[in-house]
Amino acid sequence: MEIARQISVDKAIHHGTPVISGTRVPVSIVVGSLASGMNKEEVMQEYELTKEQVEAALSYAADLVKQTEVVALEA
């Protein structure tokens, strides 16, 4: 099931974690690779993805962060 542009979940693929549609590459791997210093071109080559797929992973991650509500706990 597609949950965002080019992002899918399927219980049979990585236990239902979000992956790039049509692949078995988890969004977390793409974002983590970029965060650890790989550039888009390196990620594209390493995981056989297009620029649009890499950018879709970043967009999905950004949307998740926007939806996150932080509740401060009093000490």
N, C-alpha and C. Protein backbone atom coordinates (compact mmCIF):
# COMPACT_ATOMS: atom_id res chain seq x y z
N MET A 1 0.85 -1.17 0.00
CA MET A 1 0.00 0.00 0.00
C MET A 1 0.90 1.24 0.00
N GLU A 2 0.63 2.14 -0.91
CA GLU A 2 1.40 3.38 -0.97
C GLU A 2 0.88 4.35 0.09
N ILE A 3 1.77 4.82 0.97
CA ILE A 3 1.37 5.72 2.05
C ILE A 3 1.81 7.15 1.80
N ALA A 4 2.68 7.35 0.84
CA ALA A 4 3.15 8.68 0.44
C ALA A 4 3.72 8.51 -0.97
N ARG A 5 4.03 9.62 -1.61
CA ARG A 5 4.58 9.54 -2.96
C ARG A 5 5.84 8.68 -2.94
N GLN A 6 5.80 7.56 -3.66
CA GLN A 6 6.91 6.62 -3.82
C GLN A 6 7.33 5.90 -2.54
N ILE A 7 6.46 5.91 -1.53
CA ILE A 7 6.74 5.22 -0.27
C ILE A 7 5.60 4.23 -0.01
N SER A 8 5.98 2.96 0.26
CA SER A 8 4.99 1.92 0.45
C SER A 8 5.25 1.13 1.73
N VAL A 9 4.20 0.48 2.21
CA VAL A 9 4.33 -0.49 3.29
C VAL A 9 3.65 -1.78 2.87
N ASP A 10 4.25 -2.88 3.25
CA ASP A 10 3.72 -4.21 2.95
C ASP A 10 4.24 -5.12 4.06
N LYS A 11 3.34 -5.82 4.74
CA LYS A 11 3.75 -6.68 5.86
C LYS A 11 4.80 -7.71 5.43
N ALA A 12 4.81 -8.07 4.14
CA ALA A 12 5.75 -9.08 3.65
C ALA A 12 7.13 -8.50 3.34
N ILE A 13 7.27 -7.19 3.38
CA ILE A 13 8.56 -6.55 3.09
C ILE A 13 9.02 -5.79 4.32
N HIS A 14 10.13 -6.21 4.90
CA HIS A 14 10.71 -5.57 6.09
C HIS A 14 9.68 -5.36 7.20
N HIS A 15 8.82 -6.36 7.39
CA HIS A 15 7.83 -6.36 8.47
C HIS A 15 6.92 -5.13 8.46
N GLY A 16 6.69 -4.58 7.27
CA GLY A 16 5.76 -3.46 7.14
C GLY A 16 6.37 -2.10 7.39
N THR A 17 7.69 -2.00 7.46
CA THR A 17 8.30 -0.68 7.60
C THR A 17 8.25 0.04 6.25
N PRO A 18 8.21 1.35 6.25
CA PRO A 18 8.14 2.09 4.98
C PRO A 18 9.39 1.86 4.12
N VAL A 19 9.14 1.53 2.85
CA VAL A 19 10.21 1.31 1.88
C VAL A 19 9.95 2.16 0.64
N ILE A 20 10.98 2.31 -0.18
CA ILE A 20 10.80 2.98 -1.46
C ILE A 20 9.95 2.06 -2.33
N SER A 21 8.87 2.56 -2.88
CA SER A 21 7.95 1.75 -3.68
C SER A 21 8.70 1.01 -4.79
N GLY A 22 8.36 -0.27 -4.94
CA GLY A 22 8.97 -1.08 -5.98
C GLY A 22 10.35 -1.62 -5.62
N THR A 23 10.79 -1.37 -4.39
CA THR A 23 12.09 -1.86 -3.92
C THR A 23 11.91 -2.47 -2.54
N ARG A 24 13.00 -2.96 -2.00
CA ARG A 24 13.01 -3.44 -0.62
C ARG A 24 13.88 -2.53 0.23
N VAL A 25 14.12 -1.31 -0.23
CA VAL A 25 15.00 -0.37 0.45
C VAL A 25 14.19 0.46 1.45
N PRO A 26 14.46 0.28 2.76
CA PRO A 26 13.72 1.05 3.76
C PRO A 26 14.05 2.54 3.70
N VAL A 27 13.06 3.36 3.97
CA VAL A 27 13.25 4.81 4.03
C VAL A 27 14.32 5.13 5.07
N SER A 28 14.32 4.41 6.17
CA SER A 28 15.29 4.69 7.24
C SER A 28 16.72 4.49 6.77
N ILE A 29 16.96 3.55 5.87
CA ILE A 29 18.31 3.33 5.34
C ILE A 29 18.73 4.51 4.47
N VAL A 30 17.82 5.00 3.66
CA VAL A 30 18.12 6.14 2.78
C VAL A 30 18.44 7.37 3.62
N VAL A 31 17.56 7.68 4.56
CA VAL A 31 17.76 8.87 5.41
C VAL A 31 19.01 8.71 6.27
N GLY A 32 19.21 7.54 6.84
CA GLY A 32 20.38 7.30 7.66
C GLY A 32 21.68 7.40 6.88
N SER A 33 21.67 6.93 5.64
CA SER A 33 22.86 7.02 4.79
C SER A 33 23.20 8.48 4.50
N LEU A 34 22.19 9.27 4.22
CA LEU A 34 22.42 10.70 3.98
C LEU A 34 22.90 11.38 5.26
N ALA A 35 22.32 11.03 6.38
CA ALA A 35 22.71 11.64 7.65
C ALA A 35 24.14 11.29 8.03
N SER A 36 24.61 10.12 7.59
CA SER A 36 25.97 9.70 7.95
C SER A 36 27.03 10.25 7.01
N GLY A 37 26.58 11.04 6.02
CA GLY A 37 27.55 11.72 5.17
C GLY A 37 27.56 11.33 3.70
N MET A 38 26.80 10.31 3.33
CA MET A 38 26.73 9.97 1.90
C MET A 38 25.97 11.08 1.18
N ASN A 39 26.33 11.36 -0.06
CA ASN A 39 25.55 12.33 -0.83
C ASN A 39 24.49 11.58 -1.63
N LYS A 40 23.57 12.35 -2.25
CA LYS A 40 22.46 11.73 -2.98
C LYS A 40 22.96 10.76 -4.04
N GLU A 41 23.99 11.16 -4.77
CA GLU A 41 24.50 10.32 -5.85
C GLU A 41 25.04 8.99 -5.31
N GLU A 42 25.72 9.04 -4.17
CA GLU A 42 26.24 7.81 -3.57
C GLU A 42 25.10 6.90 -3.12
N VAL A 43 24.07 7.47 -2.53
CA VAL A 43 22.91 6.69 -2.09
C VAL A 43 22.21 6.09 -3.31
N MET A 44 22.07 6.89 -4.35
CA MET A 44 21.43 6.39 -5.57
C MET A 44 22.19 5.20 -6.12
N GLN A 45 23.50 5.29 -6.16
CA GLN A 45 24.32 4.21 -6.70
C GLN A 45 24.30 2.98 -5.78
N GLU A 46 24.47 3.21 -4.50
CA GLU A 46 24.54 2.11 -3.53
C GLU A 46 23.26 1.26 -3.51
N TYR A 47 22.09 1.93 -3.59
CA TYR A 47 20.82 1.23 -3.45
C TYR A 47 20.02 1.16 -4.75
N GLU A 48 20.64 1.57 -5.86
CA GLU A 48 20.00 1.54 -7.18
C GLU A 48 18.66 2.29 -7.17
N LEU A 49 18.72 3.54 -6.71
CA LEU A 49 17.54 4.40 -6.63
C LEU A 49 17.69 5.58 -7.57
N THR A 50 16.56 6.20 -7.87
CA THR A 50 16.59 7.43 -8.66
C THR A 50 16.66 8.63 -7.71
N LYS A 51 16.98 9.77 -8.26
CA LYS A 51 17.01 11.00 -7.47
C LYS A 51 15.63 11.25 -6.86
N GLU A 52 14.58 11.00 -7.63
CA GLU A 52 13.22 11.23 -7.16
C GLU A 52 12.89 10.32 -5.98
N GLN A 53 13.38 9.08 -6.00
CA GLN A 53 13.12 8.16 -4.89
C GLN A 53 13.83 8.62 -3.62
N VAL A 54 15.07 9.06 -3.76
CA VAL A 54 15.82 9.56 -2.60
C VAL A 54 15.12 10.79 -2.02
N GLU A 55 14.70 11.69 -2.89
CA GLU A 55 14.01 12.90 -2.43
C GLU A 55 12.65 12.57 -1.82
N ALA A 56 11.98 11.53 -2.31
CA ALA A 56 10.71 11.11 -1.72
C ALA A 56 10.92 10.61 -0.30
N ALA A 57 12.03 9.90 -0.06
CA ALA A 57 12.34 9.42 1.29
C ALA A 57 12.56 10.59 2.23
N LEU A 58 13.29 11.60 1.77
CA LEU A 58 13.52 12.79 2.59
C LEU A 58 12.22 13.53 2.87
N SER A 59 11.39 13.65 1.87
CA SER A 59 10.11 14.34 2.03
C SER A 59 9.22 13.60 3.03
N TYR A 60 9.20 12.28 2.94
CA TYR A 60 8.40 11.48 3.88
C TYR A 60 8.92 11.67 5.31
N ALA A 61 10.24 11.62 5.47
CA ALA A 61 10.83 11.81 6.80
C ALA A 61 10.50 13.20 7.35
N ALA A 62 10.57 14.21 6.49
CA ALA A 62 10.24 15.58 6.93
C ALA A 62 8.78 15.67 7.37
N ASP A 63 7.89 15.01 6.64
CA ASP A 63 6.48 15.02 7.02
C ASP A 63 6.27 14.36 8.38
N LEU A 64 6.99 13.27 8.64
CA LEU A 64 6.88 12.62 9.95
C LEU A 64 7.33 13.54 11.07
N VAL A 65 8.42 14.25 10.86
CA VAL A 65 8.91 15.17 11.87
C VAL A 65 7.90 16.28 12.13
N LYS A 66 7.29 16.79 11.06
CA LYS A 66 6.28 17.85 11.22
C LYS A 66 5.11 17.38 12.06
N GLN A 67 4.78 16.09 11.97
CA GLN A 67 3.63 15.56 12.68
C GLN A 67 3.94 15.17 14.12
N THR A 68 5.20 15.20 14.48
CA THR A 68 5.61 14.78 15.81
C THR A 68 5.31 15.86 16.84
N GLU A 69 4.64 15.44 17.90
CA GLU A 69 4.33 16.37 18.98
C GLU A 69 5.22 16.02 20.17
N VAL A 70 5.92 17.00 20.66
CA VAL A 70 6.80 16.81 21.80
C VAL A 70 6.10 17.34 23.05
N VAL A 71 6.05 16.51 24.06
CA VAL A 71 5.42 16.91 25.31
C VAL A 71 6.52 16.98 26.37
N ALA A 72 6.73 18.16 26.92
CA ALA A 72 7.75 18.33 27.95
C ALA A 72 7.25 17.77 29.27
N LEU A 73 8.10 17.01 29.90
CA LEU A 73 7.76 16.46 31.22
C LEU A 73 8.34 17.38 32.29
N GLU A 74 7.55 17.65 33.29
CA GLU A 74 8.04 18.51 34.37
C GLU A 74 8.95 17.70 35.28
N ALA A 75 10.01 18.35 35.73
CA ALA A 75 10.97 17.66 36.61
C ALA A 75 10.47 17.58 38.01
